[in-house]
Amino acid sequence: MTWLQCPRPRPYARQRLVCFPHAGGSASFFRDWGPALPSVEVHTVCYPGRAARIGEPPPTDLTAMAKETASAIEPLTDDDLPVALFGHSMGAVVAFETARLLQARGAGPSHLYVSGSRSPRLSNMRPGASSDAHDAPDAITAELLALGGTDAELLADPAFRDLVLPYVLADFRMFDAYEYRPGPQLTCGVTAIVGRADPQVSAAQSEAWSEVTDGPFRHVTVPGDHFYLAHEPPFPLLTGTGVST
């Protein structure tokens, strides 16, 4: 059971960054981030039920998965190297719940980056989705195509669909079932990032992440849609070398 993947360990890194994939995503989504961030040691969360963990049941409880992830990340905080968390879409909420748990254990992250996501205090029901949409493979397939996060040719391949749809459906079901529970505010800084043309998340819904922290908050809009980061990853924001507005 491997929760974290780090293809490029960097003993002399200035910080660590733990990345949380979107619903239906895997660690491979962030495979190019390590080479592109030479001063950062990039770790990616490996959700059950896909890739190297394809033989495991997909996750069913987002908060329970965050607990497992927090336990895997906690040893990374044992030295003085800052550990930041970055989550996209569903991954932003998993990262948030993980950050809460780490903070409660005295191992809180240095920063939380939440991308393409509504504040967890808002409803996470997707626009146009019915309450049973997560049980409709065709509806989920259409949504994935509309969002642009999955190649249309792959989704048209029956073998690929049979492989990925079980964990994609499970992720959407888990995310739709998630309920925010009040708790202590985060103390770390939070940066919320959203694409200007994101059909899933409005700027106001993204900016509402300001409610989860007593630390510094920054809201950034970038060109692109829900999967803006597939074409233009927010590397300058992560390294502090640039700020978009």
Protein backbone atom coordinates (compact mmCIF):
# COMPACT_ATOMS: atom_id res chain seq x y z
CA MET A 1 0.00 0.00 0.00
CA THR A 2 1.92 3.02 -1.29
CA TRP A 3 0.30 6.39 -0.63
CA LEU A 4 3.10 8.62 -1.93
CA GLN A 5 5.20 8.57 -5.06
CA CYS A 6 8.41 10.57 -5.44
CA PRO A 7 10.17 9.74 -8.74
CA ARG A 8 12.84 12.43 -8.20
CA PRO A 9 14.07 12.63 -4.58
CA ARG A 10 16.02 15.84 -4.02
CA PRO A 11 18.22 15.84 -0.88
CA TYR A 12 19.04 19.51 -1.42
CA ALA A 13 15.53 20.76 -2.19
CA ARG A 14 14.32 23.97 -0.57
CA GLN A 15 10.81 22.64 -0.04
CA ARG A 16 8.57 19.63 -0.54
CA LEU A 17 5.30 19.72 -2.44
CA VAL A 18 2.66 17.00 -2.09
CA CYS A 19 0.19 16.89 -5.00
CA PHE A 20 -3.35 15.50 -4.79
CA PRO A 21 -4.98 14.44 -8.10
CA HIS A 22 -8.53 15.22 -9.22
CA ALA A 23 -11.44 12.73 -9.21
CA GLY A 24 -10.52 9.91 -11.56
CA GLY A 25 -6.92 11.11 -11.61
CA SER A 26 -3.70 9.36 -10.69
CA ALA A 27 -0.15 10.26 -9.72
CA SER A 28 0.85 10.32 -13.39
CA PHE A 29 -1.03 13.60 -13.85
CA PHE A 30 1.86 15.32 -12.05
CA ARG A 31 4.68 13.32 -13.63
CA ASP A 32 6.26 16.40 -15.26
CA TRP A 33 6.20 18.58 -12.14
CA GLY A 34 9.37 17.17 -10.57
CA PRO A 35 11.59 17.87 -13.59
CA ALA A 36 10.08 21.35 -13.95
CA LEU A 37 10.67 22.33 -10.30
CA PRO A 38 14.39 21.74 -9.64
CA SER A 39 14.34 23.32 -6.17
CA VAL A 40 11.28 21.33 -5.04
CA GLU A 41 10.94 17.68 -4.06
CA VAL A 42 7.58 16.68 -5.54
CA HIS A 43 5.53 13.88 -4.01
CA THR A 44 2.20 12.75 -5.44
CA VAL A 45 -0.61 11.01 -3.60
CA CYS A 46 -1.49 7.60 -5.03
CA TYR A 47 -5.21 6.94 -4.58
CA PRO A 48 -6.31 3.28 -4.28
CA GLY A 49 -7.93 1.47 -7.19
CA ARG A 50 -5.75 2.76 -10.06
CA ALA A 51 -2.27 2.61 -11.57
CA ALA A 52 0.07 0.72 -9.21
CA ARG A 53 -2.85 0.23 -6.80
CA ILE A 54 -5.31 -1.07 -9.40
CA GLY A 55 -5.82 -4.28 -7.44
CA GLU A 56 -7.16 -2.42 -4.38
CA PRO A 57 -10.79 -1.33 -3.94
CA PRO A 58 -11.38 2.32 -4.91
CA PRO A 59 -11.85 4.72 -1.98
CA THR A 60 -15.34 5.31 -0.64
CA ASP A 61 -14.81 7.84 2.18
CA LEU A 62 -12.91 11.06 1.45
CA THR A 63 -12.19 11.91 5.08
CA ALA A 64 -10.95 8.38 5.81
CA MET A 65 -8.66 8.60 2.78
CA ALA A 66 -7.33 11.93 4.09
CA LYS A 67 -6.42 10.23 7.38
CA GLU A 68 -4.38 7.59 5.55
CA THR A 69 -2.71 10.28 3.47
CA ALA A 70 -1.90 12.42 6.50
CA SER A 71 -0.19 9.45 8.14
CA ALA A 72 1.93 8.96 5.00
CA ILE A 73 2.88 12.65 4.79
CA GLU A 74 3.61 13.22 8.48
CA PRO A 75 7.15 11.69 8.34
CA LEU A 76 8.03 14.26 5.64
CA THR A 77 7.57 16.99 8.24
CA ASP A 78 10.17 15.59 10.66
CA ASP A 79 12.96 17.85 9.39
CA ASP A 80 13.02 21.61 8.81
CA LEU A 81 12.06 21.45 5.13
CA PRO A 82 8.70 23.16 4.46
CA VAL A 83 5.98 20.83 3.19
CA ALA A 84 3.23 22.41 1.06
CA LEU A 85 0.12 20.68 -0.25
CA PHE A 86 -1.40 21.19 -3.71
CA GLY A 87 -4.76 19.72 -4.66
CA HIS A 88 -6.78 20.05 -7.84
CA SER A 89 -10.59 19.75 -7.97
CA MET A 90 -11.55 16.86 -5.64
CA GLY A 91 -7.88 16.72 -4.69
CA ALA A 92 -8.15 20.20 -3.20
CA VAL A 93 -10.70 18.97 -0.68
CA VAL A 94 -8.63 15.87 0.11
CA ALA A 95 -5.61 18.15 0.62
CA PHE A 96 -7.66 20.43 2.88
CA GLU A 97 -8.83 17.55 5.08
CA THR A 98 -5.26 16.24 5.16
CA ALA A 99 -3.97 19.67 6.18
CA ARG A 100 -6.47 19.80 9.06
CA LEU A 101 -5.32 16.41 10.32
CA LEU A 102 -1.63 17.28 10.02
CA GLN A 103 -2.17 20.54 11.88
CA ALA A 104 -4.00 18.70 14.68
CA ARG A 105 -0.95 16.42 14.98
CA GLY A 106 1.43 19.37 15.21
CA ALA A 107 2.74 18.75 11.69
CA GLY A 108 0.74 21.32 9.72
CA PRO A 109 1.78 22.18 6.16
CA SER A 110 3.65 25.37 5.31
CA HIS A 111 1.04 26.26 2.68
CA LEU A 112 -2.10 24.87 1.05
CA TYR A 113 -2.77 25.40 -2.67
CA VAL A 114 -6.34 24.65 -3.76
CA SER A 115 -6.97 24.57 -7.51
CA GLY A 116 -10.20 24.38 -9.51
CA SER A 117 -12.32 23.85 -6.42
CA ARG A 118 -15.16 25.40 -4.47
CA SER A 119 -14.63 26.06 -0.79
CA PRO A 120 -15.46 22.88 1.16
CA ARG A 121 -18.15 24.83 3.00
CA LEU A 122 -20.12 25.10 -0.26
CA SER A 123 -22.06 22.33 -1.96
CA ASN A 124 -19.82 20.12 -4.07
CA MET A 125 -22.66 19.06 -6.41
CA ARG A 126 -21.44 19.63 -9.92
CA PRO A 127 -23.43 21.99 -12.21
CA GLY A 128 -26.04 20.01 -14.12
CA ALA A 129 -25.42 16.84 -12.12
CA SER A 130 -28.36 14.99 -10.62
CA SER A 131 -28.16 13.20 -7.29
CA ASP A 132 -27.69 9.86 -9.06
CA ALA A 133 -25.30 11.09 -11.78
CA HIS A 134 -22.38 9.30 -10.16
CA ASP A 135 -24.07 5.99 -10.99
CA ALA A 136 -24.45 6.80 -14.70
CA PRO A 137 -21.29 5.91 -16.67
CA ASP A 138 -22.46 7.72 -19.81
CA ALA A 139 -23.13 10.91 -17.87
CA ILE A 140 -19.74 10.80 -16.18
CA THR A 141 -18.02 10.07 -19.49
CA ALA A 142 -19.72 13.10 -21.06
CA GLU A 143 -18.69 15.24 -18.10
CA LEU A 144 -15.06 14.14 -18.34
CA LEU A 145 -15.03 15.01 -22.02
CA ALA A 146 -16.63 18.41 -21.38
CA LEU A 147 -14.06 19.25 -18.72
CA GLY A 148 -11.19 18.28 -21.00
CA GLY A 149 -9.35 16.15 -18.47
CA THR A 150 -9.50 12.92 -20.46
CA ASP A 151 -8.64 12.15 -24.06
CA ALA A 152 -11.77 11.45 -26.14
CA GLU A 153 -10.06 8.63 -28.07
CA LEU A 154 -9.23 6.86 -24.82
CA LEU A 155 -12.79 7.11 -23.54
CA ALA A 156 -14.02 5.66 -26.84
CA ASP A 157 -11.87 2.57 -26.26
CA PRO A 158 -14.01 -0.10 -24.50
CA ALA A 159 -10.98 -1.68 -22.81
CA PHE A 160 -9.89 1.69 -21.42
CA ARG A 161 -13.41 2.49 -20.24
CA ASP A 162 -13.69 -0.87 -18.48
CA LEU A 163 -10.40 -0.19 -16.72
CA VAL A 164 -10.92 3.40 -15.57
CA LEU A 165 -14.67 3.89 -15.14
CA PRO A 166 -14.95 1.84 -11.92
CA TYR A 167 -12.56 4.11 -10.03
CA VAL A 168 -13.78 7.27 -11.78
CA LEU A 169 -17.36 6.50 -10.72
CA ALA A 170 -16.18 5.64 -7.22
CA ASP A 171 -14.33 8.96 -6.92
CA PHE A 172 -17.35 10.96 -8.06
CA ARG A 173 -19.59 9.01 -5.69
CA MET A 174 -17.18 9.62 -2.81
CA PHE A 175 -16.82 13.32 -3.59
CA ASP A 176 -20.58 13.85 -3.88
CA ALA A 177 -21.03 12.17 -0.48
CA TYR A 178 -18.43 14.38 1.23
CA GLU A 179 -19.77 16.65 3.96
CA TYR A 180 -17.78 19.47 5.46
CA ARG A 181 -17.56 19.34 9.24
CA PRO A 182 -16.67 22.48 11.21
CA GLY A 183 -13.34 22.43 13.00
CA PRO A 184 -10.37 24.59 13.94
CA GLN A 185 -9.23 27.04 11.30
CA LEU A 186 -6.04 26.35 9.42
CA THR A 187 -3.13 28.56 10.44
CA CYS A 188 -1.08 28.17 7.26
CA GLY A 189 -1.38 30.37 4.20
CA VAL A 190 -3.86 29.31 1.51
CA THR A 191 -3.73 30.11 -2.20
CA ALA A 192 -6.85 29.40 -4.28
CA ILE A 193 -6.40 29.15 -8.07
CA VAL A 194 -9.18 29.00 -10.67
CA GLY A 195 -9.35 29.15 -14.46
CA ARG A 196 -11.26 32.13 -15.81
CA ALA A 197 -13.29 29.85 -18.10
CA ASP A 198 -13.85 27.05 -15.56
CA PRO A 199 -17.42 25.76 -16.11
CA GLN A 200 -17.41 23.99 -12.74
CA VAL A 201 -16.09 26.61 -10.32
CA SER A 202 -16.78 30.35 -10.29
CA ALA A 203 -14.31 32.92 -9.05
CA ALA A 204 -16.55 33.62 -6.05
CA GLN A 205 -16.76 29.92 -5.15
CA SER A 206 -12.98 29.67 -5.35
CA GLU A 207 -12.44 32.84 -3.34
CA ALA A 208 -14.63 31.41 -0.56
CA TRP A 209 -11.61 29.30 0.45
CA SER A 210 -10.58 32.39 2.43
CA GLU A 211 -12.99 31.17 5.13
CA VAL A 212 -10.89 28.11 6.05
CA THR A 213 -7.74 29.81 7.34
CA ASP A 214 -6.60 32.43 9.81
CA GLY A 215 -3.35 32.67 7.85
CA PRO A 216 -2.62 34.72 4.74
CA PHE A 217 -4.98 34.13 1.82
CA ARG A 218 -4.46 34.79 -1.88
CA HIS A 219 -6.92 34.28 -4.71
CA VAL A 220 -5.58 33.88 -8.24
CA THR A 221 -7.41 33.60 -11.56
CA VAL A 222 -5.51 32.22 -14.54
CA PRO A 223 -6.29 31.76 -18.23
CA GLY A 224 -7.98 28.49 -19.10
CA ASP A 225 -10.75 26.16 -18.01
CA HIS A 226 -11.08 23.51 -15.30
CA PHE A 227 -7.91 21.75 -16.43
CA TYR A 228 -5.89 24.90 -17.06
CA LEU A 229 -2.91 23.28 -15.31
CA ALA A 230 -2.61 20.56 -17.96
CA HIS A 231 -1.43 23.26 -20.37
CA GLU A 232 0.00 25.89 -18.04
CA PRO A 233 0.94 24.56 -14.60
CA PRO A 234 1.09 27.27 -11.91
CA PHE A 235 4.81 26.81 -11.28
CA PRO A 236 5.56 30.51 -10.64
CA LEU A 237 2.98 30.56 -7.85
CA LEU A 238 4.40 27.42 -6.27
CA THR A 239 7.96 28.75 -6.23
CA GLY A 240 7.12 32.36 -5.39
CA THR A 241 8.60 33.68 -8.64
CA GLY A 242 5.44 35.21 -10.00
CA VAL A 243 1.84 36.08 -9.20
CA SER A 244 -1.16 36.11 -11.56
CA THR A 245 -4.36 37.94 -10.83
